[in-house]
Amino acid sequence: MSDIIQINHLNKSFGSVKAVRDLSFRVKEGELFAFLGVNGAGKSTTINIMCGQLSKDSGRIFIDGHDLDEDMDFVKRELGVVFQSSVLDSALSVYNNLESRAALYGITGAAFQKRLSELAKILDFEDLLKRTVGKLSGGQRRRIDIARALFHKPKILILDEPTTGLDPQTRRLLWNVISGFRKNENMTVFLTTHYMEEAAEADYVVIIDDGKISAKGSPLELKNIYTGDYIIVYGVSEDAVRKLGVEYEQIQNGYRLSVPDTRAATDLILHNTCLFQDYEIIKGKMDDVFLAVTGKTLAGGSEK
């Protein structure tokens, strides 16, 4: 797969605050790329620079082989963006919001009606077209935000905390839609999120802290480097668990043992088969990775 996004030595300061510091990374075409960090880490600053909404101090950005500084019009056609806060006009209907957006890309008449019909069906908002955006629920508005971003068939969809505050059913719908576009159109998805279960589905993850990259790799690579595994064993006494000589904690109905990796878990079980009659092995989670890398936990909220 070729690189569809290249960011080289990006820097941006706001007065004495260095929001982005010598940031370099690549995103491959068609992948789900997770860009993680606490509020204020530099995620939204980076996205705003990529979208041409904010000037950079130094560095270079290439989108699908085109230099952002030299061909911003091309770059904007390649990108569809769903920002943290909705950019829809609350006073207009869903139909009028999407019609005005489509017109910016020259999509009018029959072409507009065709694309509108496609997206309304996929995102399940056919019954909302005449409704004023200001009267929509959060989940309904989010579906329209995504339709707006997808209307011109971008190669890259940027999702800046797209599912924060949404109910599980709406989150599932949105991810099913996004997965469909990735599969059918090889669309690249650039994601920031506070939900680590979403990041765990990514092909590649970059974690930034204080404007710099702290860790990068696939979720499996990061979990293997920064977390251990857990064995949860049931129906045993604490005395028996204590004799294993590993770190453990009591949980409901059993004990959770901490081991460095899956090999260590396997060795422990094979050498104590009488004890491990009812158990499960669980790999560390992306929450554990994030905490190990940054010393911080992710929490919802807006990033400046």
C-alpha atoms as a PDB file:
ATOM      1  CA  MET A   1       0.000   0.000   0.000  1.00  0.00           C
ATOM      2  CA  SER A   2       1.222   3.483  -0.834  1.00  0.00           C
ATOM      3  CA  ASP A   3       1.298   6.430   1.568  1.00  0.00           C
ATOM      4  CA  ILE A   4      -1.702   8.693   1.008  1.00  0.00           C
ATOM      5  CA  ILE A   5      -0.745  11.106   3.819  1.00  0.00           C
ATOM      6  CA  GLN A   6       2.825  12.166   4.573  1.00  0.00           C
ATOM      7  CA  ILE A   7       3.613  14.637   7.333  1.00  0.00           C
ATOM      8  CA  ASN A   8       7.235  15.718   7.628  1.00  0.00           C
ATOM      9  CA  HIS A   9       8.695  17.691  10.557  1.00  0.00           C
ATOM     10  CA  LEU A  10       5.518  19.639  11.278  1.00  0.00           C
ATOM     11  CA  ASN A  11       5.741  22.470  13.827  1.00  0.00           C
ATOM     12  CA  LYS A  12       3.140  24.866  15.175  1.00  0.00           C
ATOM     13  CA  SER A  13       3.272  27.239  18.148  1.00  0.00           C
ATOM     14  CA  PHE A  14       0.748  29.579  19.691  1.00  0.00           C
ATOM     15  CA  GLY A  15       2.899  32.209  21.351  1.00  0.00           C
ATOM     16  CA  SER A  16       5.114  30.369  23.829  1.00  0.00           C
ATOM     17  CA  VAL A  17       3.023  27.186  23.612  1.00  0.00           C
ATOM     18  CA  LYS A  18       4.438  24.572  21.217  1.00  0.00           C
ATOM     19  CA  ALA A  19       1.322  22.719  20.095  1.00  0.00           C
ATOM     20  CA  VAL A  20       3.050  20.462  17.534  1.00  0.00           C
ATOM     21  CA  ARG A  21       6.756  19.638  17.720  1.00  0.00           C
ATOM     22  CA  ASP A  22       8.656  18.121  14.793  1.00  0.00           C
ATOM     23  CA  LEU A  23       5.794  15.748  13.981  1.00  0.00           C
ATOM     24  CA  SER A  24       6.387  13.164  11.235  1.00  0.00           C
ATOM     25  CA  PHE A  25       4.228  10.168  10.279  1.00  0.00           C
ATOM     26  CA  ARG A  26       2.685   8.318   7.331  1.00  0.00           C
ATOM     27  CA  VAL A  27      -0.823   7.013   6.628  1.00  0.00           C
ATOM     28  CA  LYS A  28      -1.264   4.227   4.089  1.00  0.00           C
ATOM     29  CA  GLU A  29      -4.063   4.254   1.530  1.00  0.00           C
ATOM     30  CA  GLY A  30      -7.179   2.416   2.666  1.00  0.00           C
ATOM     31  CA  GLU A  31      -6.192   1.983   6.289  1.00  0.00           C
ATOM     32  CA  LEU A  32      -7.918   2.992   9.502  1.00  0.00           C
ATOM     33  CA  PHE A  33      -5.363   5.235  11.200  1.00  0.00           C
ATOM     34  CA  ALA A  34      -5.886   6.205  14.852  1.00  0.00           C
ATOM     35  CA  PHE A  35      -4.298   9.440  16.083  1.00  0.00           C
ATOM     36  CA  LEU A  36      -4.508   9.443  19.875  1.00  0.00           C
ATOM     37  CA  GLY A  37      -3.693  11.884  22.644  1.00  0.00           C
ATOM     38  CA  VAL A  38      -5.251  13.674  25.607  1.00  0.00           C
ATOM     39  CA  ASN A  39      -6.946  17.030  25.105  1.00  0.00           C
ATOM     40  CA  GLY A  40      -4.313  19.602  24.209  1.00  0.00           C
ATOM     41  CA  ALA A  41      -1.824  17.023  22.874  1.00  0.00           C
ATOM     42  CA  GLY A  42      -1.915  18.562  19.374  1.00  0.00           C
ATOM     43  CA  LYS A  43      -4.405  16.347  17.528  1.00  0.00           C
ATOM     44  CA  SER A  44      -6.885  19.010  16.455  1.00  0.00           C
ATOM     45  CA  THR A  45      -4.064  21.437  15.636  1.00  0.00           C
ATOM     46  CA  THR A  46      -2.592  18.846  13.255  1.00  0.00           C
ATOM     47  CA  ILE A  47      -5.978  18.188  11.638  1.00  0.00           C
ATOM     48  CA  ASN A  48      -6.707  21.897  11.204  1.00  0.00           C
ATOM     49  CA  ILE A  49      -3.353  22.346   9.464  1.00  0.00           C
ATOM     50  CA  MET A  50      -4.033  19.351   7.186  1.00  0.00           C
ATOM     51  CA  CYS A  51      -7.414  20.857   6.232  1.00  0.00           C
ATOM     52  CA  GLY A  52      -5.948  24.289   5.492  1.00  0.00           C
ATOM     53  CA  GLN A  53      -7.789  25.968   8.378  1.00  0.00           C
ATOM     54  CA  LEU A  54      -4.599  26.771  10.249  1.00  0.00           C
ATOM     55  CA  SER A  55      -1.172  27.792   8.999  1.00  0.00           C
ATOM     56  CA  LYS A  56       1.882  25.823  10.074  1.00  0.00           C
ATOM     57  CA  ASP A  57       5.184  27.276  11.250  1.00  0.00           C
ATOM     58  CA  SER A  58       7.313  24.748   9.376  1.00  0.00           C
ATOM     59  CA  GLY A  59       7.249  21.284   7.865  1.00  0.00           C
ATOM     60  CA  ARG A  60       5.594  19.762   4.812  1.00  0.00           C
ATOM     61  CA  ILE A  61       2.348  17.882   4.255  1.00  0.00           C
ATOM     62  CA  PHE A  62       1.568  15.717   1.232  1.00  0.00           C
ATOM     63  CA  ILE A  63      -1.934  14.411   0.524  1.00  0.00           C
ATOM     64  CA  ASP A  64      -2.100  11.753  -2.194  1.00  0.00           C
ATOM     65  CA  GLY A  65       1.234  12.969  -3.534  1.00  0.00           C
ATOM     66  CA  HIS A  66       0.277  16.665  -3.638  1.00  0.00           C
ATOM     67  CA  ASP A  67       2.024  19.284  -1.499  1.00  0.00           C
ATOM     68  CA  LEU A  68      -0.532  21.095   0.657  1.00  0.00           C
ATOM     69  CA  ASP A  69       1.348  24.395   0.182  1.00  0.00           C
ATOM     70  CA  GLU A  70       1.194  24.153  -3.603  1.00  0.00           C
ATOM     71  CA  ASP A  71      -2.193  22.569  -4.301  1.00  0.00           C
ATOM     72  CA  MET A  72      -4.648  23.280  -1.474  1.00  0.00           C
ATOM     73  CA  ASP A  73      -7.633  23.048  -3.840  1.00  0.00           C
ATOM     74  CA  PHE A  74      -6.705  19.466  -4.729  1.00  0.00           C
ATOM     75  CA  VAL A  75      -6.179  18.570  -1.081  1.00  0.00           C
ATOM     76  CA  LYS A  76      -9.593  19.913  -0.079  1.00  0.00           C
ATOM     77  CA  ARG A  77     -11.264  17.743  -2.729  1.00  0.00           C
ATOM     78  CA  GLU A  78      -9.464  14.679  -1.353  1.00  0.00           C
ATOM     79  CA  LEU A  79     -10.598  15.263   2.234  1.00  0.00           C
ATOM     80  CA  GLY A  80     -13.938  14.831   3.949  1.00  0.00           C
ATOM     81  CA  VAL A  81     -13.920  16.089   7.532  1.00  0.00           C
ATOM     82  CA  VAL A  82     -16.207  15.466  10.488  1.00  0.00           C
ATOM     83  CA  PHE A  83     -15.160  17.932  13.168  1.00  0.00           C
ATOM     84  CA  GLN A  84     -15.719  17.538  16.923  1.00  0.00           C
ATOM     85  CA  SER A  85     -18.404  20.221  16.792  1.00  0.00           C
ATOM     86  CA  SER A  86     -21.032  20.100  14.068  1.00  0.00           C
ATOM     87  CA  VAL A  87     -20.596  22.685  11.282  1.00  0.00           C
ATOM     88  CA  LEU A  88     -24.168  22.336  10.003  1.00  0.00           C
ATOM     89  CA  ASP A  89     -26.413  25.417   9.840  1.00  0.00           C
ATOM     90  CA  SER A  90     -28.995  24.886  12.599  1.00  0.00           C
ATOM     91  CA  ALA A  91     -31.520  27.209  10.939  1.00  0.00           C
ATOM     92  CA  LEU A  92     -31.628  25.274   7.658  1.00  0.00           C
ATOM     93  CA  SER A  93     -33.209  21.929   6.847  1.00  0.00           C
ATOM     94  CA  VAL A  94     -31.114  18.805   6.392  1.00  0.00           C
ATOM     95  CA  TYR A  95     -31.858  18.969   2.665  1.00  0.00           C
ATOM     96  CA  ASN A  96     -30.726  22.605   2.336  1.00  0.00           C
ATOM     97  CA  ASN A  97     -27.558  21.990   4.358  1.00  0.00           C
ATOM     98  CA  LEU A  98     -26.519  19.160   2.079  1.00  0.00           C
ATOM     99  CA  GLU A  99     -27.611  20.981  -1.086  1.00  0.00           C
ATOM    100  CA  SER A 100     -25.442  24.018  -0.286  1.00  0.00           C
ATOM    101  CA  ARG A 101     -22.494  21.789   0.627  1.00  0.00           C
ATOM    102  CA  ALA A 102     -22.778  19.772  -2.586  1.00  0.00           C
ATOM    103  CA  ALA A 103     -22.942  22.959  -4.667  1.00  0.00           C
ATOM    104  CA  LEU A 104     -19.435  23.899  -3.450  1.00  0.00           C
ATOM    105  CA  TYR A 105     -18.179  20.839  -5.324  1.00  0.00           C
ATOM    106  CA  GLY A 106     -20.333  21.440  -8.396  1.00  0.00           C
ATOM    107  CA  ILE A 107     -22.750  18.645  -7.484  1.00  0.00           C
ATOM    108  CA  THR A 108     -26.206  19.861  -8.519  1.00  0.00           C
ATOM    109  CA  GLY A 109     -29.386  18.685 -10.207  1.00  0.00           C
ATOM    110  CA  ALA A 110     -29.678  14.969 -10.910  1.00  0.00           C
ATOM    111  CA  ALA A 111     -26.175  14.252  -9.593  1.00  0.00           C
ATOM    112  CA  PHE A 112     -27.112  15.846  -6.260  1.00  0.00           C
ATOM    113  CA  GLN A 113     -30.378  13.916  -6.016  1.00  0.00           C
ATOM    114  CA  LYS A 114     -28.621  10.630  -6.786  1.00  0.00           C
ATOM    115  CA  ARG A 115     -25.902  11.125  -4.158  1.00  0.00           C
ATOM    116  CA  LEU A 116     -28.420  12.396  -1.602  1.00  0.00           C
ATOM    117  CA  SER A 117     -30.554   9.298  -2.099  1.00  0.00           C
ATOM    118  CA  GLU A 118     -27.528   7.010  -1.694  1.00  0.00           C
ATOM    119  CA  LEU A 119     -26.332   8.625   1.521  1.00  0.00           C
ATOM    120  CA  ALA A 120     -29.815   9.029   3.032  1.00  0.00           C
ATOM    121  CA  LYS A 121     -30.386   5.311   2.609  1.00  0.00           C
ATOM    122  CA  ILE A 122     -26.964   4.251   3.922  1.00  0.00           C
ATOM    123  CA  LEU A 123     -27.063   6.605   6.924  1.00  0.00           C
ATOM    124  CA  ASP A 124     -30.791   6.175   7.542  1.00  0.00           C
ATOM    125  CA  PHE A 125     -31.963   9.792   7.373  1.00  0.00           C
ATOM    126  CA  GLU A 126     -34.528   9.627   4.559  1.00  0.00           C
ATOM    127  CA  ASP A 127     -37.248  10.768   6.971  1.00  0.00           C
ATOM    128  CA  LEU A 128     -35.171  13.738   8.227  1.00  0.00           C
ATOM    129  CA  LEU A 129     -34.597  15.653   4.983  1.00  0.00           C
ATOM    130  CA  LYS A 130     -37.222  18.328   5.643  1.00  0.00           C
ATOM    131  CA  ARG A 131     -36.425  18.705   9.322  1.00  0.00           C
ATOM    132  CA  THR A 132     -34.523  21.739  10.609  1.00  0.00           C
ATOM    133  CA  VAL A 133     -31.058  20.738  11.788  1.00  0.00           C
ATOM    134  CA  GLY A 134     -31.552  22.599  15.067  1.00  0.00           C
ATOM    135  CA  LYS A 135     -34.345  20.176  15.951  1.00  0.00           C
ATOM    136  CA  LEU A 136     -32.282  17.022  15.435  1.00  0.00           C
ATOM    137  CA  SER A 137     -30.950  14.812  18.221  1.00  0.00           C
ATOM    138  CA  GLY A 138     -27.181  14.465  18.649  1.00  0.00           C
ATOM    139  CA  GLY A 139     -27.130  11.126  16.868  1.00  0.00           C
ATOM    140  CA  GLN A 140     -29.255  12.379  13.968  1.00  0.00           C
ATOM    141  CA  ARG A 141     -27.052  15.430  13.542  1.00  0.00           C
ATOM    142  CA  ARG A 142     -23.941  13.243  13.534  1.00  0.00           C
ATOM    143  CA  ARG A 143     -25.336  11.185  10.663  1.00  0.00           C
ATOM    144  CA  ILE A 144     -25.864  14.377   8.662  1.00  0.00           C
ATOM    145  CA  ASP A 145     -22.336  15.579   9.546  1.00  0.00           C
ATOM    146  CA  ILE A 146     -20.954  12.372   8.056  1.00  0.00           C
ATOM    147  CA  ALA A 147     -23.172  12.647   4.960  1.00  0.00           C
ATOM    148  CA  ARG A 148     -21.875  16.186   4.473  1.00  0.00           C
ATOM    149  CA  ALA A 149     -18.272  14.953   4.667  1.00  0.00           C
ATOM    150  CA  LEU A 150     -18.901  12.081   2.248  1.00  0.00           C
ATOM    151  CA  PHE A 151     -20.973  13.927  -0.344  1.00  0.00           C
ATOM    152  CA  HIS A 152     -18.112  14.611  -2.779  1.00  0.00           C
ATOM    153  CA  LYS A 153     -16.689  11.066  -2.439  1.00  0.00           C
ATOM    154  CA  PRO A 154     -13.400  11.981  -0.738  1.00  0.00           C
ATOM    155  CA  LYS A 155     -10.476   9.561  -0.703  1.00  0.00           C
ATOM    156  CA  ILE A 156      -9.735  10.408   2.944  1.00  0.00           C
ATOM    157  CA  LEU A 157     -12.298  10.757   5.731  1.00  0.00           C
ATOM    158  CA  ILE A 158     -11.059  12.619   8.809  1.00  0.00           C
ATOM    159  CA  LEU A 159     -13.084  11.860  11.925  1.00  0.00           C
ATOM    160  CA  ASP A 160     -12.272  14.070  14.911  1.00  0.00           C
ATOM    161  CA  GLU A 161     -13.921  12.301  17.869  1.00  0.00           C
ATOM    162  CA  PRO A 162     -16.961  11.396  15.761  1.00  0.00           C
ATOM    163  CA  THR A 163     -18.853   9.274  18.287  1.00  0.00           C
ATOM    164  CA  THR A 164     -18.364  11.185  21.546  1.00  0.00           C
ATOM    165  CA  GLY A 165     -21.679  11.356  23.395  1.00  0.00           C
ATOM    166  CA  LEU A 166     -23.553   9.092  20.980  1.00  0.00           C
ATOM    167  CA  ASP A 167     -25.673   6.145  22.033  1.00  0.00           C
ATOM    168  CA  PRO A 168     -24.312   2.644  21.261  1.00  0.00           C
ATOM    169  CA  GLN A 169     -26.825   2.023  18.459  1.00  0.00           C
ATOM    170  CA  THR A 170     -25.812   5.190  16.580  1.00  0.00           C
ATOM    171  CA  ARG A 171     -22.119   4.458  17.130  1.00  0.00           C
ATOM    172  CA  ARG A 172     -22.605   0.999  15.655  1.00  0.00           C
ATOM    173  CA  LEU A 173     -24.477   2.392  12.638  1.00  0.00           C
ATOM    174  CA  LEU A 174     -21.756   4.962  11.927  1.00  0.00           C
ATOM    175  CA  TRP A 175     -18.957   2.403  12.150  1.00  0.00           C
ATOM    176  CA  ASN A 176     -20.832  -0.019   9.907  1.00  0.00           C
ATOM    177  CA  VAL A 177     -21.201   2.762   7.325  1.00  0.00           C
ATOM    178  CA  ILE A 178     -17.542   3.756   7.581  1.00  0.00           C
ATOM    179  CA  SER A 179     -16.419   0.107   7.314  1.00  0.00           C
ATOM    180  CA  GLY A 180     -18.547  -0.236   4.201  1.00  0.00           C
ATOM    181  CA  PHE A 181     -16.897   2.732   2.510  1.00  0.00           C
ATOM    182  CA  ARG A 182     -13.434   1.443   3.426  1.00  0.00           C
ATOM    183  CA  LYS A 183     -14.221  -1.967   1.980  1.00  0.00           C
ATOM    184  CA  ASN A 184     -16.072  -0.854  -1.158  1.00  0.00           C
ATOM    185  CA  GLU A 185     -14.175   2.325  -2.064  1.00  0.00           C
ATOM    186  CA  ASN A 186     -10.779   1.802  -0.380  1.00  0.00           C
ATOM    187  CA  MET A 187     -11.372   4.980   1.605  1.00  0.00           C
ATOM    188  CA  THR A 188      -8.702   5.990   4.118  1.00  0.00           C
ATOM    189  CA  VAL A 189      -9.989   6.906   7.594  1.00  0.00           C
ATOM    190  CA  PHE A 190      -8.006   9.215   9.882  1.00  0.00           C
ATOM    191  CA  LEU A 191      -9.505   8.930  13.364  1.00  0.00           C
ATOM    192  CA  THR A 192      -9.139  10.666  16.692  1.00  0.00           C
ATOM    193  CA  THR A 193     -11.170   9.143  19.494  1.00  0.00           C
ATOM    194  CA  HIS A 194     -11.471   8.818  23.242  1.00  0.00           C
ATOM    195  CA  TYR A 195     -12.966   5.343  22.871  1.00  0.00           C
ATOM    196  CA  MET A 196     -10.114   2.864  23.021  1.00  0.00           C
ATOM    197  CA  GLU A 197     -12.260   0.039  21.650  1.00  0.00           C
ATOM    198  CA  GLU A 198     -12.449   2.078  18.416  1.00  0.00           C
ATOM    199  CA  ALA A 199      -8.682   2.613  18.382  1.00  0.00           C
ATOM    200  CA  ALA A 200      -8.186  -1.130  18.919  1.00  0.00           C
ATOM    201  CA  GLU A 201      -9.766  -1.733  15.490  1.00  0.00           C
ATOM    202  CA  ALA A 202      -7.237   0.520  13.718  1.00  0.00           C
ATOM    203  CA  ASP A 203      -4.589  -0.771  11.322  1.00  0.00           C
ATOM    204  CA  TYR A 204      -2.027   1.648  12.752  1.00  0.00           C
ATOM    205  CA  VAL A 205      -1.892   3.903  15.809  1.00  0.00           C
ATOM    206  CA  VAL A 206       0.131   7.010  16.612  1.00  0.00           C
ATOM    207  CA  ILE A 207       0.016   8.340  20.171  1.00  0.00           C
ATOM    208  CA  ILE A 208       1.092  11.936  20.672  1.00  0.00           C
ATOM    209  CA  ASP A 209       1.765  13.688  23.939  1.00  0.00           C
ATOM    210  CA  ASP A 210       2.682  17.357  24.300  1.00  0.00           C
ATOM    211  CA  GLY A 211       2.853  17.727  20.518  1.00  0.00           C
ATOM    212  CA  LYS A 212       5.342  14.863  19.991  1.00  0.00           C
ATOM    213  CA  ILE A 213       4.988  11.210  19.040  1.00  0.00           C
ATOM    214  CA  SER A 214       5.268   8.985  22.110  1.00  0.00           C
ATOM    215  CA  ALA A 215       4.483   5.623  20.485  1.00  0.00           C
ATOM    216  CA  LYS A 216       3.394   4.155  17.161  1.00  0.00           C
ATOM    217  CA  GLY A 217       2.560   0.766  15.705  1.00  0.00           C
ATOM    218  CA  SER A 218      -0.333  -1.613  15.178  1.00  0.00           C
ATOM    219  CA  PRO A 219      -2.589  -2.197  18.205  1.00  0.00           C
ATOM    220  CA  LEU A 220      -1.103  -5.680  18.619  1.00  0.00           C
ATOM    221  CA  GLU A 221       2.477  -4.364  18.458  1.00  0.00           C
ATOM    222  CA  LEU A 222       1.704  -1.660  21.015  1.00  0.00           C
ATOM    223  CA  LYS A 223      -0.050  -4.086  23.358  1.00  0.00           C
ATOM    224  CA  ASN A 224       2.879  -6.498  23.159  1.00  0.00           C
ATOM    225  CA  ILE A 225       5.375  -3.717  23.947  1.00  0.00           C
ATOM    226  CA  TYR A 226       3.525  -1.725  26.588  1.00  0.00           C
ATOM    227  CA  THR A 227       1.185  -4.167  28.344  1.00  0.00           C
ATOM    228  CA  GLY A 228       1.208  -7.693  29.646  1.00  0.00           C
ATOM    229  CA  ASP A 229      -1.457 -10.377  29.543  1.00  0.00           C
ATOM    230  CA  TYR A 230      -3.907 -11.400  32.229  1.00  0.00           C
ATOM    231  CA  ILE A 231      -5.069 -14.854  33.250  1.00  0.00           C
ATOM    232  CA  ILE A 232      -8.412 -14.953  35.004  1.00  0.00           C
ATOM    233  CA  VAL A 233      -8.763 -18.174  36.977  1.00  0.00           C
ATOM    234  CA  TYR A 234     -11.977 -19.349  38.612  1.00  0.00           C
ATOM    235  CA  GLY A 235     -12.849 -21.807  41.378  1.00  0.00           C
ATOM    236  CA  VAL A 236      -9.520 -21.703  43.225  1.00  0.00           C
ATOM    237  CA  SER A 237      -8.382 -20.561  46.657  1.00  0.00           C
ATOM    238  CA  GLU A 238      -6.316 -17.460  47.287  1.00  0.00           C
ATOM    239  CA  ASP A 239      -3.650 -19.607  48.967  1.00  0.00           C
ATOM    240  CA  ALA A 240      -3.201 -21.576  45.743  1.00  0.00           C
ATOM    241  CA  VAL A 241      -2.976 -18.383  43.682  1.00  0.00           C
ATOM    242  CA  ARG A 242      -0.494 -16.802  46.104  1.00  0.00           C
ATOM    243  CA  LYS A 243       1.855 -19.794  45.762  1.00  0.00           C
ATOM    244  CA  LEU A 244       2.209 -19.101  42.022  1.00  0.00           C
ATOM    245  CA  GLY A 245       4.392 -16.115  42.907  1.00  0.00           C
ATOM    246  CA  VAL A 246       2.836 -13.711  40.398  1.00  0.00           C
ATOM    247  CA  GLU A 247       1.030 -10.410  40.885  1.00  0.00           C
ATOM    248  CA  TYR A 248      -2.707 -10.936  41.261  1.00  0.00           C
ATOM    249  CA  GLU A 249      -5.935  -9.271  42.356  1.00  0.00           C
ATOM    250  CA  GLN A 250      -9.243 -10.678  43.476  1.00  0.00           C
ATOM    251  CA  ILE A 251     -12.202 -10.128  41.175  1.00  0.00           C
ATOM    252  CA  GLN A 252     -15.756 -11.374  41.225  1.00  0.00           C
ATOM    253  CA  ASN A 253     -15.745 -15.203  41.184  1.00  0.00           C
ATOM    254  CA  GLY A 254     -11.981 -15.497  40.801  1.00  0.00           C
ATOM    255  CA  TYR A 255      -8.521 -13.957  40.562  1.00  0.00           C
ATOM    256  CA  ARG A 256      -6.798 -11.964  37.826  1.00  0.00           C
ATOM    257  CA  LEU A 257      -3.106 -12.794  37.426  1.00  0.00           C
ATOM    258  CA  SER A 258      -0.673 -10.442  35.679  1.00  0.00           C
ATOM    259  CA  VAL A 259       1.915 -12.013  33.363  1.00  0.00           C
ATOM    260  CA  PRO A 260       4.418 -10.381  30.966  1.00  0.00           C
ATOM    261  CA  ASP A 261       3.127 -12.000  27.770  1.00  0.00           C
ATOM    262  CA  THR A 262       1.241 -14.937  26.281  1.00  0.00           C
ATOM    263  CA  ARG A 263       4.294 -17.218  26.435  1.00  0.00           C
ATOM    264  CA  ALA A 264       4.588 -16.619  30.186  1.00  0.00           C
ATOM    265  CA  ALA A 265       0.886 -17.304  30.583  1.00  0.00           C
ATOM    266  CA  THR A 266       1.216 -20.597  28.712  1.00  0.00           C
ATOM    267  CA  ASP A 267       4.235 -21.688  30.800  1.00  0.00           C
ATOM    268  CA  LEU A 268       2.420 -20.863  34.044  1.00  0.00           C
ATOM    269  CA  ILE A 269      -0.638 -22.877  33.019  1.00  0.00           C
ATOM    270  CA  LEU A 270       1.355 -25.900  31.790  1.00  0.00           C
ATOM    271  CA  HIS A 271       3.336 -26.054  35.049  1.00  0.00           C
ATOM    272  CA  ASN A 272       0.190 -25.797  37.186  1.00  0.00           C
ATOM    273  CA  THR A 273      -2.420 -27.749  35.266  1.00  0.00           C
ATOM    274  CA  CYS A 274      -4.302 -28.831  38.392  1.00  0.00           C
ATOM    275  CA  LEU A 275      -4.968 -25.195  39.301  1.00  0.00           C
ATOM    276  CA  PHE A 276      -6.031 -24.034  35.832  1.00  0.00           C
ATOM    277  CA  GLN A 277      -9.220 -25.974  35.224  1.00  0.00           C
ATOM    278  CA  ASP A 278     -11.421 -22.944  34.533  1.00  0.00           C
ATOM    279  CA  TYR A 279      -9.587 -19.886  33.179  1.00  0.00           C
ATOM    280  CA  GLU A 280      -9.246 -17.374  30.353  1.00  0.00           C
ATOM    281  CA  ILE A 281      -6.295 -15.434  28.953  1.00  0.00           C
ATOM    282  CA  ILE A 282      -6.874 -11.776  28.102  1.00  0.00           C
ATOM    283  CA  LYS A 283      -4.403  -9.501  26.343  1.00  0.00           C
ATOM    284  CA  GLY A 284      -3.797  -6.004  27.652  1.00  0.00           C
ATOM    285  CA  LYS A 285      -6.067  -3.334  26.215  1.00  0.00           C
ATOM    286  CA  MET A 286      -5.388  -0.075  24.381  1.00  0.00           C
ATOM    287  CA  ASP A 287      -6.348   1.805  27.556  1.00  0.00           C
ATOM    288  CA  ASP A 288      -3.404   0.084  29.246  1.00  0.00           C
ATOM    289  CA  VAL A 289      -1.133   1.032  26.338  1.00  0.00           C
ATOM    290  CA  PHE A 290      -2.184   4.673  26.479  1.00  0.00           C
ATOM    291  CA  LEU A 291      -1.661   4.878  30.223  1.00  0.00           C
ATOM    292  CA  ALA A 292       1.752   3.189  29.977  1.00  0.00           C
ATOM    293  CA  VAL A 293       2.892   5.518  27.169  1.00  0.00           C
ATOM    294  CA  THR A 294       1.604   8.861  28.488  1.00  0.00           C
ATOM    295  CA  GLY A 295       0.975   8.271  32.181  1.00  0.00           C
ATOM    296  CA  LYS A 296      -2.489   9.673  31.527  1.00  0.00           C
ATOM    297  CA  THR A 297      -5.976   8.347  30.867  1.00  0.00           C
ATOM    298  CA  LEU A 298      -8.221   9.472  28.049  1.00  0.00           C
ATOM    299  CA  ALA A 299     -11.375  11.355  28.954  1.00  0.00           C
ATOM    300  CA  GLY A 300     -13.996  13.057  26.815  1.00  0.00           C
ATOM    301  CA  GLY A 301     -14.057  16.761  26.174  1.00  0.00           C
ATOM    302  CA  SER A 302     -13.050  19.322  23.613  1.00  0.00           C
ATOM    303  CA  GLU A 303      -9.484  20.021  22.632  1.00  0.00           C
ATOM    304  CA  LYS A 304      -8.266  23.529  22.019  1.00  0.00           C
END
